[in-house]
Amino acid sequence: MRILANPLRGDAPVGAGESGSLGVGLMEVLANNAKFEDLKDAIGIDRNSTLLCFNTEGATDPVIYREIIWHGKYPSME
């Protein structure tokens, strides 16, 4: 949710809920965590890959959205 709400410069922010943003979170962990190098090799993902993610849910609960995006609820597990 934080990645989509705070995109790179020039990209539009996306207000996504927990389940809608799951795919982006998974791709971020897969791409940036050395523990998954073998998995990336096995499925053919490298630095030249393009991945597509469908967001299936908007920010449906404004209170939870604010707690996660603004107040840091559920910090990274790394």
C-alpha atoms as a PDB file:
ATOM      1  CA  MET A   1       0.000   0.000   0.000  1.00  0.00           C
ATOM      2  CA  ARG A   2       2.845   2.376   0.824  1.00  0.00           C
ATOM      3  CA  ILE A   3       4.595   1.716  -2.488  1.00  0.00           C
ATOM      4  CA  LEU A   4       1.452   2.484  -4.482  1.00  0.00           C
ATOM      5  CA  ALA A   5       0.602   5.554  -2.381  1.00  0.00           C
ATOM      6  CA  ASN A   6       4.131   6.977  -2.799  1.00  0.00           C
ATOM      7  CA  PRO A   7       5.232   6.263  -6.370  1.00  0.00           C
ATOM      8  CA  LEU A   8       8.366   7.332  -8.167  1.00  0.00           C
ATOM      9  CA  ARG A   9       8.420  10.905  -9.438  1.00  0.00           C
ATOM     10  CA  GLY A  10       6.146  11.304 -12.443  1.00  0.00           C
ATOM     11  CA  ASP A  11       3.900   8.338 -11.616  1.00  0.00           C
ATOM     12  CA  ALA A  12       0.406   8.810 -10.235  1.00  0.00           C
ATOM     13  CA  PRO A  13      -0.337   7.569  -6.709  1.00  0.00           C
ATOM     14  CA  VAL A  14      -2.761   4.668  -6.364  1.00  0.00           C
ATOM     15  CA  GLY A  15      -5.028   4.315  -3.345  1.00  0.00           C
ATOM     16  CA  ALA A  16      -5.088   0.547  -2.878  1.00  0.00           C
ATOM     17  CA  GLY A  17      -6.384  -1.591  -0.059  1.00  0.00           C
ATOM     18  CA  GLU A  18      -4.664  -4.516   1.594  1.00  0.00           C
ATOM     19  CA  SER A  19      -5.657  -7.215  -0.875  1.00  0.00           C
ATOM     20  CA  GLY A  20      -5.373  -4.956  -3.916  1.00  0.00           C
ATOM     21  CA  SER A  21      -1.775  -4.077  -3.153  1.00  0.00           C
ATOM     22  CA  LEU A  22      -0.630  -7.583  -2.255  1.00  0.00           C
ATOM     23  CA  GLY A  23       0.777  -8.301  -5.728  1.00  0.00           C
ATOM     24  CA  VAL A  24       2.958  -5.188  -5.726  1.00  0.00           C
ATOM     25  CA  GLY A  25       4.266  -6.012  -2.258  1.00  0.00           C
ATOM     26  CA  LEU A  26       5.091  -9.537  -3.327  1.00  0.00           C
ATOM     27  CA  MET A  27       6.928  -8.306  -6.424  1.00  0.00           C
ATOM     28  CA  GLU A  28       8.922  -5.809  -4.340  1.00  0.00           C
ATOM     29  CA  VAL A  29      10.053  -8.491  -1.892  1.00  0.00           C
ATOM     30  CA  LEU A  30      10.874 -10.915  -4.696  1.00  0.00           C
ATOM     31  CA  ALA A  31      12.855  -8.310  -6.643  1.00  0.00           C
ATOM     32  CA  ASN A  32      14.788  -6.820  -3.726  1.00  0.00           C
ATOM     33  CA  ASN A  33      15.443  -9.677  -1.321  1.00  0.00           C
ATOM     34  CA  ALA A  34      18.532 -11.802  -1.918  1.00  0.00           C
ATOM     35  CA  LYS A  35      16.860 -14.782  -0.215  1.00  0.00           C
ATOM     36  CA  PHE A  36      14.748 -15.261  -3.351  1.00  0.00           C
ATOM     37  CA  GLU A  37      17.527 -15.391  -5.971  1.00  0.00           C
ATOM     38  CA  ASP A  38      16.962 -19.114  -6.605  1.00  0.00           C
ATOM     39  CA  LEU A  39      13.220 -18.590  -7.052  1.00  0.00           C
ATOM     40  CA  LYS A  40      13.793 -15.689  -9.457  1.00  0.00           C
ATOM     41  CA  ASP A  41      16.199 -17.834 -11.468  1.00  0.00           C
ATOM     42  CA  ALA A  42      13.736 -20.728 -11.523  1.00  0.00           C
ATOM     43  CA  ILE A  43      10.886 -18.616 -12.887  1.00  0.00           C
ATOM     44  CA  GLY A  44      13.059 -16.511 -15.174  1.00  0.00           C
ATOM     45  CA  ILE A  45      12.842 -13.104 -13.489  1.00  0.00           C
ATOM     46  CA  ASP A  46      15.878 -10.855 -13.840  1.00  0.00           C
ATOM     47  CA  ARG A  47      16.679  -7.133 -13.929  1.00  0.00           C
ATOM     48  CA  ASN A  48      15.316  -6.910 -17.494  1.00  0.00           C
ATOM     49  CA  SER A  49      11.945  -8.469 -16.661  1.00  0.00           C
ATOM     50  CA  THR A  50       8.686  -6.573 -16.854  1.00  0.00           C
ATOM     51  CA  LEU A  51       6.075  -7.672 -14.343  1.00  0.00           C
ATOM     52  CA  LEU A  52       2.367  -6.894 -14.501  1.00  0.00           C
ATOM     53  CA  CYS A  53       0.188  -6.562 -11.450  1.00  0.00           C
ATOM     54  CA  PHE A  54      -3.575  -6.040 -11.308  1.00  0.00           C
ATOM     55  CA  ASN A  55      -4.864  -4.004  -8.379  1.00  0.00           C
ATOM     56  CA  THR A  56      -8.261  -5.440  -7.513  1.00  0.00           C
ATOM     57  CA  GLU A  57      -9.227  -3.203  -4.598  1.00  0.00           C
ATOM     58  CA  GLY A  58      -9.211   0.481  -3.793  1.00  0.00           C
ATOM     59  CA  ALA A  59      -8.727   1.988  -0.354  1.00  0.00           C
ATOM     60  CA  THR A  60     -12.080   0.781   0.962  1.00  0.00           C
ATOM     61  CA  ASP A  61     -11.436   1.533   4.647  1.00  0.00           C
ATOM     62  CA  PRO A  62     -10.207   5.126   5.081  1.00  0.00           C
ATOM     63  CA  VAL A  63      -9.282   4.641   8.750  1.00  0.00           C
ATOM     64  CA  ILE A  64      -7.109   1.562   8.154  1.00  0.00           C
ATOM     65  CA  TYR A  65      -5.625   3.162   5.026  1.00  0.00           C
ATOM     66  CA  ARG A  66      -4.541   6.227   7.030  1.00  0.00           C
ATOM     67  CA  GLU A  67      -3.139   4.066   9.852  1.00  0.00           C
ATOM     68  CA  ILE A  68      -1.009   2.089   7.387  1.00  0.00           C
ATOM     69  CA  ILE A  69       0.093   4.896   5.047  1.00  0.00           C
ATOM     70  CA  TRP A  70       0.463   7.789   7.473  1.00  0.00           C
ATOM     71  CA  HIS A  71       1.065   6.184  10.845  1.00  0.00           C
ATOM     72  CA  GLY A  72       3.177   3.151   9.956  1.00  0.00           C
ATOM     73  CA  LYS A  73       0.865   0.365  11.066  1.00  0.00           C
ATOM     74  CA  TYR A  74       2.328  -3.017   9.997  1.00  0.00           C
ATOM     75  CA  PRO A  75       5.971  -2.021   9.476  1.00  0.00           C
ATOM     76  CA  SER A  76       8.208  -4.036   7.162  1.00  0.00           C
ATOM     77  CA  MET A  77       9.115  -7.500   8.394  1.00  0.00           C
ATOM     78  CA  GLU A  78      12.739  -7.317   7.158  1.00  0.00           C
END
